[in-house]
Amino acid sequence: RSSKDALLDKAHSLCPQLLCGPKDLD
């Protein structure tokens, strides 16, 4: 779980907001 969360956070930080949307939507 913590690895998945860390990986998703990293992916969101690399993804432009226009494509991925805001981080809060998880």
mmCIF file of all heavy atoms, coordinates in Angstrom:
data_MODEL
# 
_entry.id   MODEL 
# 
loop_
_atom_site.group_PDB 
_atom_site.id 
_atom_site.type_symbol 
_atom_site.label_atom_id 
_atom_site.label_alt_id 
_atom_site.label_comp_id 
_atom_site.label_asym_id 
_atom_site.label_entity_id 
_atom_site.label_seq_id 
_atom_site.pdbx_PDB_ins_code 
_atom_site.Cartn_x 
_atom_site.Cartn_y 
_atom_site.Cartn_z 
_atom_site.occupancy 
_atom_site.B_iso_or_equiv 
_atom_site.pdbx_formal_charge 
_atom_site.auth_seq_id 
_atom_site.auth_comp_id 
_atom_site.auth_asym_id 
_atom_site.auth_atom_id 
_atom_site.pdbx_PDB_model_num 
ATOM 1   N N   . ARG A 1 1  ? 0.830   -1.208 0.000   1.00 0.00 ? 1  ARG A N   1 
ATOM 2   C CA  . ARG A 1 1  ? 0.000   0.000  0.000   1.00 0.00 ? 1  ARG A CA  1 
ATOM 3   C C   . ARG A 1 1  ? 0.863   1.256  0.000   1.00 0.00 ? 1  ARG A C   1 
ATOM 4   O O   . ARG A 1 1  ? 0.632   2.185  -0.796  1.00 0.00 ? 1  ARG A O   1 
ATOM 5   C CB  . ARG A 1 1  ? -0.919  0.008  1.227   1.00 0.00 ? 1  ARG A CB  1 
ATOM 6   C CG  . ARG A 1 1  ? -2.365  -0.227 0.858   1.00 0.00 ? 1  ARG A CG  1 
ATOM 7   C CD  . ARG A 1 1  ? -3.290  -0.110 2.060   1.00 0.00 ? 1  ARG A CD  1 
ATOM 8   N NE  . ARG A 1 1  ? -3.603  -1.477 2.487   1.00 0.00 ? 1  ARG A NE  1 
ATOM 9   C CZ  . ARG A 1 1  ? -3.280  -2.012 3.654   1.00 0.00 ? 1  ARG A CZ  1 
ATOM 10  N NH1 . ARG A 1 1  ? -2.664  -1.311 4.566   1.00 0.00 ? 1  ARG A NH1 1 
ATOM 11  N NH2 . ARG A 1 1  ? -3.581  -3.264 3.929   1.00 0.00 ? 1  ARG A NH2 1 
ATOM 12  N N   . SER A 1 2  ? 1.850   1.305  0.879   1.00 0.00 ? 2  SER A N   1 
ATOM 13  C CA  . SER A 1 2  ? 2.684   2.509  0.961   1.00 0.00 ? 2  SER A CA  1 
ATOM 14  C C   . SER A 1 2  ? 3.512   2.676  -0.316  1.00 0.00 ? 2  SER A C   1 
ATOM 15  O O   . SER A 1 2  ? 3.717   3.800  -0.786  1.00 0.00 ? 2  SER A O   1 
ATOM 16  C CB  . SER A 1 2  ? 3.593   2.473  2.185   1.00 0.00 ? 2  SER A CB  1 
ATOM 17  O OG  . SER A 1 2  ? 4.567   1.464  2.064   1.00 0.00 ? 2  SER A OG  1 
ATOM 18  N N   . SER A 1 3  ? 3.963   1.563  -0.893  1.00 0.00 ? 3  SER A N   1 
ATOM 19  C CA  . SER A 1 3  ? 4.726   1.650  -2.143  1.00 0.00 ? 3  SER A CA  1 
ATOM 20  C C   . SER A 1 3  ? 3.844   2.158  -3.274  1.00 0.00 ? 3  SER A C   1 
ATOM 21  O O   . SER A 1 3  ? 4.266   2.985  -4.080  1.00 0.00 ? 3  SER A O   1 
ATOM 22  C CB  . SER A 1 3  ? 5.299   0.286  -2.516  1.00 0.00 ? 3  SER A CB  1 
ATOM 23  O OG  . SER A 1 3  ? 6.211   -0.137 -1.548  1.00 0.00 ? 3  SER A OG  1 
ATOM 24  N N   . LYS A 1 4  ? 2.615   1.630  -3.331  1.00 0.00 ? 4  LYS A N   1 
ATOM 25  C CA  . LYS A 1 4  ? 1.675   2.057  -4.373  1.00 0.00 ? 4  LYS A CA  1 
ATOM 26  C C   . LYS A 1 4  ? 1.377   3.546  -4.213  1.00 0.00 ? 4  LYS A C   1 
ATOM 27  O O   . LYS A 1 4  ? 1.410   4.307  -5.194  1.00 0.00 ? 4  LYS A O   1 
ATOM 28  C CB  . LYS A 1 4  ? 0.377   1.256  -4.278  1.00 0.00 ? 4  LYS A CB  1 
ATOM 29  C CG  . LYS A 1 4  ? -0.656  1.646  -5.331  1.00 0.00 ? 4  LYS A CG  1 
ATOM 30  C CD  . LYS A 1 4  ? -1.986  0.985  -5.069  1.00 0.00 ? 4  LYS A CD  1 
ATOM 31  C CE  . LYS A 1 4  ? -2.677  1.852  -4.070  1.00 0.00 ? 4  LYS A CE  1 
ATOM 32  N NZ  . LYS A 1 4  ? -4.031  1.666  -3.783  1.00 0.00 ? 4  LYS A NZ  1 
ATOM 33  N N   . ASP A 1 5  ? 1.123   3.980  -2.982  1.00 0.00 ? 5  ASP A N   1 
ATOM 34  C CA  . ASP A 1 5  ? 0.839   5.395  -2.737  1.00 0.00 ? 5  ASP A CA  1 
ATOM 35  C C   . ASP A 1 5  ? 2.028   6.271  -3.123  1.00 0.00 ? 5  ASP A C   1 
ATOM 36  O O   . ASP A 1 5  ? 1.859   7.321  -3.747  1.00 0.00 ? 5  ASP A O   1 
ATOM 37  C CB  . ASP A 1 5  ? 0.479   5.627  -1.265  1.00 0.00 ? 5  ASP A CB  1 
ATOM 38  C CG  . ASP A 1 5  ? -0.841  4.974  -0.877  1.00 0.00 ? 5  ASP A CG  1 
ATOM 39  O OD1 . ASP A 1 5  ? -1.616  4.612  -1.792  1.00 0.00 ? 5  ASP A OD1 1 
ATOM 40  O OD2 . ASP A 1 5  ? -1.085  4.810  0.340   1.00 0.00 ? 5  ASP A OD2 1 
ATOM 41  N N   . ALA A 1 6  ? 3.236   5.822  -2.771  1.00 0.00 ? 6  ALA A N   1 
ATOM 42  C CA  . ALA A 1 6  ? 4.429   6.601  -3.116  1.00 0.00 ? 6  ALA A CA  1 
ATOM 43  C C   . ALA A 1 6  ? 4.609   6.664  -4.635  1.00 0.00 ? 6  ALA A C   1 
ATOM 44  O O   . ALA A 1 6  ? 4.954   7.719  -5.184  1.00 0.00 ? 6  ALA A O   1 
ATOM 45  C CB  . ALA A 1 6  ? 5.665   5.995  -2.457  1.00 0.00 ? 6  ALA A CB  1 
ATOM 46  N N   . LEU A 1 7  ? 4.349   5.554  -5.314  1.00 0.00 ? 7  LEU A N   1 
ATOM 47  C CA  . LEU A 1 7  ? 4.479   5.522  -6.767  1.00 0.00 ? 7  LEU A CA  1 
ATOM 48  C C   . LEU A 1 7  ? 3.442   6.425  -7.436  1.00 0.00 ? 7  LEU A C   1 
ATOM 49  O O   . LEU A 1 7  ? 3.752   7.172  -8.377  1.00 0.00 ? 7  LEU A O   1 
ATOM 50  C CB  . LEU A 1 7  ? 4.331   4.079  -7.275  1.00 0.00 ? 7  LEU A CB  1 
ATOM 51  C CG  . LEU A 1 7  ? 4.526   3.872  -8.760  1.00 0.00 ? 7  LEU A CG  1 
ATOM 52  C CD1 . LEU A 1 7  ? 5.928   4.275  -9.189  1.00 0.00 ? 7  LEU A CD1 1 
ATOM 53  C CD2 . LEU A 1 7  ? 4.260   2.417  -9.126  1.00 0.00 ? 7  LEU A CD2 1 
ATOM 54  N N   . LEU A 1 8  ? 2.209   6.370  -6.948  1.00 0.00 ? 8  LEU A N   1 
ATOM 55  C CA  . LEU A 1 8  ? 1.171   7.247  -7.514  1.00 0.00 ? 8  LEU A CA  1 
ATOM 56  C C   . LEU A 1 8  ? 1.490   8.720  -7.269  1.00 0.00 ? 8  LEU A C   1 
ATOM 57  O O   . LEU A 1 8  ? 1.299   9.556  -8.155  1.00 0.00 ? 8  LEU A O   1 
ATOM 58  C CB  . LEU A 1 8  ? -0.196  6.894  -6.928  1.00 0.00 ? 8  LEU A CB  1 
ATOM 59  C CG  . LEU A 1 8  ? -0.804  5.590  -7.435  1.00 0.00 ? 8  LEU A CG  1 
ATOM 60  C CD1 . LEU A 1 8  ? -2.102  5.293  -6.683  1.00 0.00 ? 8  LEU A CD1 1 
ATOM 61  C CD2 . LEU A 1 8  ? -1.063  5.677  -8.935  1.00 0.00 ? 8  LEU A CD2 1 
ATOM 62  N N   . ASP A 1 9  ? 1.980   9.035  -6.080  1.00 0.00 ? 9  ASP A N   1 
ATOM 63  C CA  . ASP A 1 9  ? 2.360   10.425 -5.792  1.00 0.00 ? 9  ASP A CA  1 
ATOM 64  C C   . ASP A 1 9  ? 3.465   10.891 -6.740  1.00 0.00 ? 9  ASP A C   1 
ATOM 65  O O   . ASP A 1 9  ? 3.426   12.012 -7.248  1.00 0.00 ? 9  ASP A O   1 
ATOM 66  C CB  . ASP A 1 9  ? 2.828   10.570 -4.344  1.00 0.00 ? 9  ASP A CB  1 
ATOM 67  C CG  . ASP A 1 9  ? 1.679   10.494 -3.351  1.00 0.00 ? 9  ASP A CG  1 
ATOM 68  O OD1 . ASP A 1 9  ? 0.505   10.625 -3.780  1.00 0.00 ? 9  ASP A OD1 1 
ATOM 69  O OD2 . ASP A 1 9  ? 1.952   10.299 -2.145  1.00 0.00 ? 9  ASP A OD2 1 
ATOM 70  N N   . LYS A 1 10 ? 4.425   10.032 -6.983  1.00 0.00 ? 10 LYS A N   1 
ATOM 71  C CA  . LYS A 1 10 ? 5.519   10.383 -7.881  1.00 0.00 ? 10 LYS A CA  1 
ATOM 72  C C   . LYS A 1 10 ? 4.988   10.564 -9.311  1.00 0.00 ? 10 LYS A C   1 
ATOM 73  O O   . LYS A 1 10 ? 5.357   11.523 -10.002 1.00 0.00 ? 10 LYS A O   1 
ATOM 74  C CB  . LYS A 1 10 ? 6.584   9.270  -7.844  1.00 0.00 ? 10 LYS A CB  1 
ATOM 75  C CG  . LYS A 1 10 ? 7.800   9.567  -8.638  1.00 0.00 ? 10 LYS A CG  1 
ATOM 76  C CD  . LYS A 1 10 ? 8.596   10.673 -7.993  1.00 0.00 ? 10 LYS A CD  1 
ATOM 77  C CE  . LYS A 1 10 ? 9.917   10.845 -8.689  1.00 0.00 ? 10 LYS A CE  1 
ATOM 78  N NZ  . LYS A 1 10 ? 10.660  11.972 -8.183  1.00 0.00 ? 10 LYS A NZ  1 
ATOM 79  N N   . ALA A 1 11 ? 4.115   9.668  -9.737  1.00 0.00 ? 11 ALA A N   1 
ATOM 80  C CA  . ALA A 1 11 ? 3.545   9.778  -11.088 1.00 0.00 ? 11 ALA A CA  1 
ATOM 81  C C   . ALA A 1 11 ? 2.757   11.069 -11.235 1.00 0.00 ? 11 ALA A C   1 
ATOM 82  O O   . ALA A 1 11 ? 2.856   11.764 -12.255 1.00 0.00 ? 11 ALA A O   1 
ATOM 83  C CB  . ALA A 1 11 ? 2.657   8.569  -11.378 1.00 0.00 ? 11 ALA A CB  1 
ATOM 84  N N   . HIS A 1 12 ? 1.958   11.407 -10.222 1.00 0.00 ? 12 HIS A N   1 
ATOM 85  C CA  . HIS A 1 12 ? 1.185   12.654 -10.272 1.00 0.00 ? 12 HIS A CA  1 
ATOM 86  C C   . HIS A 1 12 ? 2.095   13.869 -10.282 1.00 0.00 ? 12 HIS A C   1 
ATOM 87  O O   . HIS A 1 12 ? 1.792   14.871 -10.944 1.00 0.00 ? 12 HIS A O   1 
ATOM 88  C CB  . HIS A 1 12 ? 0.215   12.750 -9.085  1.00 0.00 ? 12 HIS A CB  1 
ATOM 89  C CG  . HIS A 1 12 ? -1.080  12.059 -9.323  1.00 0.00 ? 12 HIS A CG  1 
ATOM 90  N ND1 . HIS A 1 12 ? -2.031  12.526 -10.199 1.00 0.00 ? 12 HIS A ND1 1 
ATOM 91  C CD2 . HIS A 1 12 ? -1.590  10.906 -8.812  1.00 0.00 ? 12 HIS A CD2 1 
ATOM 92  C CE1 . HIS A 1 12 ? -3.065  11.720 -10.214 1.00 0.00 ? 12 HIS A CE1 1 
ATOM 93  N NE2 . HIS A 1 12 ? -2.823  10.711 -9.380  1.00 0.00 ? 12 HIS A NE2 1 
ATOM 94  N N   . SER A 1 13 ? 3.204   13.801 -9.564  1.00 0.00 ? 13 SER A N   1 
ATOM 95  C CA  . SER A 1 13 ? 4.094   14.959 -9.540  1.00 0.00 ? 13 SER A CA  1 
ATOM 96  C C   . SER A 1 13 ? 4.785   15.151 -10.885 1.00 0.00 ? 13 SER A C   1 
ATOM 97  O O   . SER A 1 13 ? 5.179   16.257 -11.234 1.00 0.00 ? 13 SER A O   1 
ATOM 98  C CB  . SER A 1 13 ? 5.140   14.813 -8.431  1.00 0.00 ? 13 SER A CB  1 
ATOM 99  O OG  . SER A 1 13 ? 6.069   13.812 -8.751  1.00 0.00 ? 13 SER A OG  1 
ATOM 100 N N   . LEU A 1 14 ? 4.937   14.086 -11.650 1.00 0.00 ? 14 LEU A N   1 
ATOM 101 C CA  . LEU A 1 14 ? 5.577   14.183 -12.965 1.00 0.00 ? 14 LEU A CA  1 
ATOM 102 C C   . LEU A 1 14 ? 4.585   14.495 -14.081 1.00 0.00 ? 14 LEU A C   1 
ATOM 103 O O   . LEU A 1 14 ? 4.964   14.959 -15.149 1.00 0.00 ? 14 LEU A O   1 
ATOM 104 C CB  . LEU A 1 14 ? 6.313   12.876 -13.285 1.00 0.00 ? 14 LEU A CB  1 
ATOM 105 C CG  . LEU A 1 14 ? 7.467   12.517 -12.353 1.00 0.00 ? 14 LEU A CG  1 
ATOM 106 C CD1 . LEU A 1 14 ? 8.007   11.130 -12.689 1.00 0.00 ? 14 LEU A CD1 1 
ATOM 107 C CD2 . LEU A 1 14 ? 8.574   13.556 -12.450 1.00 0.00 ? 14 LEU A CD2 1 
ATOM 108 N N   . CYS A 1 15 ? 3.321   14.212 -13.840 1.00 0.00 ? 15 CYS A N   1 
ATOM 109 C CA  . CYS A 1 15 ? 2.296   14.372 -14.858 1.00 0.00 ? 15 CYS A CA  1 
ATOM 110 C C   . CYS A 1 15 ? 1.788   15.827 -14.853 1.00 0.00 ? 15 CYS A C   1 
ATOM 111 O O   . CYS A 1 15 ? 1.466   16.367 -13.800 1.00 0.00 ? 15 CYS A O   1 
ATOM 112 C CB  . CYS A 1 15 ? 1.146   13.419 -14.546 1.00 0.00 ? 15 CYS A CB  1 
ATOM 113 S SG  . CYS A 1 15 ? -0.168  13.461 -15.767 1.00 0.00 ? 15 CYS A SG  1 
ATOM 114 N N   . PRO A 1 16 ? 1.669   16.437 -16.027 1.00 0.00 ? 16 PRO A N   1 
ATOM 115 C CA  . PRO A 1 16 ? 1.116   17.801 -16.067 1.00 0.00 ? 16 PRO A CA  1 
ATOM 116 C C   . PRO A 1 16 ? -0.338  17.793 -15.579 1.00 0.00 ? 16 PRO A C   1 
ATOM 117 O O   . PRO A 1 16 ? -1.087  16.848 -15.808 1.00 0.00 ? 16 PRO A O   1 
ATOM 118 C CB  . PRO A 1 16 ? 1.183   18.174 -17.546 1.00 0.00 ? 16 PRO A CB  1 
ATOM 119 C CG  . PRO A 1 16 ? 2.004   17.142 -18.217 1.00 0.00 ? 16 PRO A CG  1 
ATOM 120 C CD  . PRO A 1 16 ? 2.062   15.956 -17.328 1.00 0.00 ? 16 PRO A CD  1 
ATOM 121 N N   . GLN A 1 17 ? -0.722  18.849 -14.889 1.00 0.00 ? 17 GLN A N   1 
ATOM 122 C CA  . GLN A 1 17 ? -2.061  18.925 -14.304 1.00 0.00 ? 17 GLN A CA  1 
ATOM 123 C C   . GLN A 1 17 ? -3.136  18.883 -15.387 1.00 0.00 ? 17 GLN A C   1 
ATOM 124 O O   . GLN A 1 17 ? -4.231  18.354 -15.158 1.00 0.00 ? 17 GLN A O   1 
ATOM 125 C CB  . GLN A 1 17 ? -2.194  20.200 -13.472 1.00 0.00 ? 17 GLN A CB  1 
ATOM 126 C CG  . GLN A 1 17 ? -3.479  20.238 -12.688 1.00 0.00 ? 17 GLN A CG  1 
ATOM 127 C CD  . GLN A 1 17 ? -3.524  21.389 -11.705 1.00 0.00 ? 17 GLN A CD  1 
ATOM 128 O OE1 . GLN A 1 17 ? -2.590  22.169 -11.621 1.00 0.00 ? 17 GLN A OE1 1 
ATOM 129 N NE2 . GLN A 1 17 ? -4.632  21.508 -11.004 1.00 0.00 ? 17 GLN A NE2 1 
ATOM 130 N N   . LEU A 1 18 ? -2.824  19.353 -16.550 1.00 0.00 ? 18 LEU A N   1 
ATOM 131 C CA  . LEU A 1 18 ? -3.789  19.350 -17.643 1.00 0.00 ? 18 LEU A CA  1 
ATOM 132 C C   . LEU A 1 18 ? -4.189  17.916 -18.034 1.00 0.00 ? 18 LEU A C   1 
ATOM 133 O O   . LEU A 1 18 ? -5.362  17.647 -18.296 1.00 0.00 ? 18 LEU A O   1 
ATOM 134 C CB  . LEU A 1 18 ? -3.209  20.083 -18.848 1.00 0.00 ? 18 LEU A CB  1 
ATOM 135 C CG  . LEU A 1 18 ? -4.109  20.242 -20.051 1.00 0.00 ? 18 LEU A CG  1 
ATOM 136 C CD1 . LEU A 1 18 ? -5.333  21.086 -19.701 1.00 0.00 ? 18 LEU A CD1 1 
ATOM 137 C CD2 . LEU A 1 18 ? -3.365  20.902 -21.191 1.00 0.00 ? 18 LEU A CD2 1 
ATOM 138 N N   . LEU A 1 19 ? -3.234  16.978 -18.023 1.00 0.00 ? 19 LEU A N   1 
ATOM 139 C CA  . LEU A 1 19 ? -3.520  15.585 -18.390 1.00 0.00 ? 19 LEU A CA  1 
ATOM 140 C C   . LEU A 1 19 ? -4.065  14.761 -17.221 1.00 0.00 ? 19 LEU A C   1 
ATOM 141 O O   . LEU A 1 19 ? -4.971  13.955 -17.398 1.00 0.00 ? 19 LEU A O   1 
ATOM 142 C CB  . LEU A 1 19 ? -2.247  14.902 -18.929 1.00 0.00 ? 19 LEU A CB  1 
ATOM 143 C CG  . LEU A 1 19 ? -1.691  15.453 -20.238 1.00 0.00 ? 19 LEU A CG  1 
ATOM 144 C CD1 . LEU A 1 19 ? -0.398  14.747 -20.575 1.00 0.00 ? 19 LEU A CD1 1 
ATOM 145 C CD2 . LEU A 1 19 ? -2.706  15.251 -21.353 1.00 0.00 ? 19 LEU A CD2 1 
ATOM 146 N N   . CYS A 1 20 ? -3.485  14.929 -16.036 1.00 0.00 ? 20 CYS A N   1 
ATOM 147 C CA  . CYS A 1 20 ? -3.830  14.067 -14.906 1.00 0.00 ? 20 CYS A CA  1 
ATOM 148 C C   . CYS A 1 20 ? -4.890  14.677 -13.985 1.00 0.00 ? 20 CYS A C   1 
ATOM 149 O O   . CYS A 1 20 ? -5.474  13.954 -13.188 1.00 0.00 ? 20 CYS A O   1 
ATOM 150 C CB  . CYS A 1 20 ? -2.593  13.773 -14.070 1.00 0.00 ? 20 CYS A CB  1 
ATOM 151 S SG  . CYS A 1 20 ? -1.318  12.869 -14.988 1.00 0.00 ? 20 CYS A SG  1 
ATOM 152 N N   . GLY A 1 21 ? -5.107  15.941 -14.072 1.00 0.00 ? 21 GLY A N   1 
ATOM 153 C CA  . GLY A 1 21 ? -6.051  16.587 -13.181 1.00 0.00 ? 21 GLY A CA  1 
ATOM 154 C C   . GLY A 1 21 ? -5.414  16.858 -11.823 1.00 0.00 ? 21 GLY A C   1 
ATOM 155 O O   . GLY A 1 21 ? -4.260  16.528 -11.573 1.00 0.00 ? 21 GLY A O   1 
ATOM 156 N N   . PRO A 1 22 ? -6.201  17.449 -10.941 1.00 0.00 ? 22 PRO A N   1 
ATOM 157 C CA  . PRO A 1 22 ? -5.648  17.763 -9.604  1.00 0.00 ? 22 PRO A CA  1 
ATOM 158 C C   . PRO A 1 22 ? -5.354  16.478 -8.814  1.00 0.00 ? 22 PRO A C   1 
ATOM 159 O O   . PRO A 1 22 ? -6.009  15.451 -9.001  1.00 0.00 ? 22 PRO A O   1 
ATOM 160 C CB  . PRO A 1 22 ? -6.722  18.586 -8.931  1.00 0.00 ? 22 PRO A CB  1 
ATOM 161 C CG  . PRO A 1 22 ? -7.896  18.582 -9.830  1.00 0.00 ? 22 PRO A CG  1 
ATOM 162 C CD  . PRO A 1 22 ? -7.528  17.938 -11.124 1.00 0.00 ? 22 PRO A CD  1 
ATOM 163 N N   . LYS A 1 23 ? -4.407  16.566 -7.892  1.00 0.00 ? 23 LYS A N   1 
ATOM 164 C CA  . LYS A 1 23 ? -4.009  15.400 -7.085  1.00 0.00 ? 23 LYS A CA  1 
ATOM 165 C C   . LYS A 1 23 ? -5.135  14.943 -6.151  1.00 0.00 ? 23 LYS A C   1 
ATOM 166 O O   . LYS A 1 23 ? -5.191  13.781 -5.778  1.00 0.00 ? 23 LYS A O   1 
ATOM 167 C CB  . LYS A 1 23 ? -2.805  15.751 -6.221  1.00 0.00 ? 23 LYS A CB  1 
ATOM 168 C CG  . LYS A 1 23 ? -1.505  15.758 -6.930  1.00 0.00 ? 23 LYS A CG  1 
ATOM 169 C CD  . LYS A 1 23 ? -0.427  16.145 -5.946  1.00 0.00 ? 23 LYS A CD  1 
ATOM 170 C CE  . LYS A 1 23 ? 0.861   15.419 -6.189  1.00 0.00 ? 23 LYS A CE  1 
ATOM 171 N NZ  . LYS A 1 23 ? 1.893   15.778 -5.247  1.00 0.00 ? 23 LYS A NZ  1 
ATOM 172 N N   . ASP A 1 24 ? -5.988  15.794 -5.733  1.00 0.00 ? 24 ASP A N   1 
ATOM 173 C CA  . ASP A 1 24 ? -7.006  15.499 -4.698  1.00 0.00 ? 24 ASP A CA  1 
ATOM 174 C C   . ASP A 1 24 ? -8.066  14.496 -5.158  1.00 0.00 ? 24 ASP A C   1 
ATOM 175 O O   . ASP A 1 24 ? -8.812  14.011 -4.359  1.00 0.00 ? 24 ASP A O   1 
ATOM 176 C CB  . ASP A 1 24 ? -7.751  16.772 -4.281  1.00 0.00 ? 24 ASP A CB  1 
ATOM 177 C CG  . ASP A 1 24 ? -6.824  17.949 -4.029  1.00 0.00 ? 24 ASP A CG  1 
ATOM 178 O OD1 . ASP A 1 24 ? -5.620  17.822 -4.296  1.00 0.00 ? 24 ASP A OD1 1 
ATOM 179 O OD2 . ASP A 1 24 ? -7.327  18.957 -3.555  1.00 0.00 ? 24 ASP A OD2 1 
ATOM 180 N N   . LEU A 1 25 ? -8.135  14.178 -6.430  1.00 0.00 ? 25 LEU A N   1 
ATOM 181 C CA  . LEU A 1 25 ? -9.217  13.357 -6.928  1.00 0.00 ? 25 LEU A CA  1 
ATOM 182 C C   . LEU A 1 25 ? -9.043  11.861 -6.675  1.00 0.00 ? 25 LEU A C   1 
ATOM 183 O O   . LEU A 1 25 ? -9.888  11.067 -7.061  1.00 0.00 ? 25 LEU A O   1 
ATOM 184 C CB  . LEU A 1 25 ? -9.407  13.580 -8.436  1.00 0.00 ? 25 LEU A CB  1 
ATOM 185 C CG  . LEU A 1 25 ? -9.834  14.997 -8.830  1.00 0.00 ? 25 LEU A CG  1 
ATOM 186 C CD1 . LEU A 1 25 ? -9.953  15.091 -10.345 1.00 0.00 ? 25 LEU A CD1 1 
ATOM 187 C CD2 . LEU A 1 25 ? -11.157 15.343 -8.167  1.00 0.00 ? 25 LEU A CD2 1 
ATOM 188 N N   . ASP A 1 26 ? -8.002  11.409 -6.029  1.00 0.00 ? 26 ASP A N   1 
ATOM 189 C CA  . ASP A 1 26 ? -7.777  9.972  -5.768  1.00 0.00 ? 26 ASP A CA  1 
ATOM 190 C C   . ASP A 1 26 ? -8.795  9.499  -4.842  1.00 0.00 ? 26 ASP A C   1 
ATOM 191 O O   . ASP A 1 26 ? -9.269  9.134  -4.072  1.00 0.00 ? 26 ASP A O   1 
ATOM 192 C CB  . ASP A 1 26 ? -6.371  9.708  -5.212  1.00 0.00 ? 26 ASP A CB  1 
ATOM 193 C CG  . ASP A 1 26 ? -5.336  9.833  -6.312  1.00 0.00 ? 26 ASP A CG  1 
ATOM 194 O OD1 . ASP A 1 26 ? -5.691  9.776  -7.495  1.00 0.00 ? 26 ASP A OD1 1 
ATOM 195 O OD2 . ASP A 1 26 ? -4.150  9.973  -5.951  1.00 0.00 ? 26 ASP A OD2 1 
# 
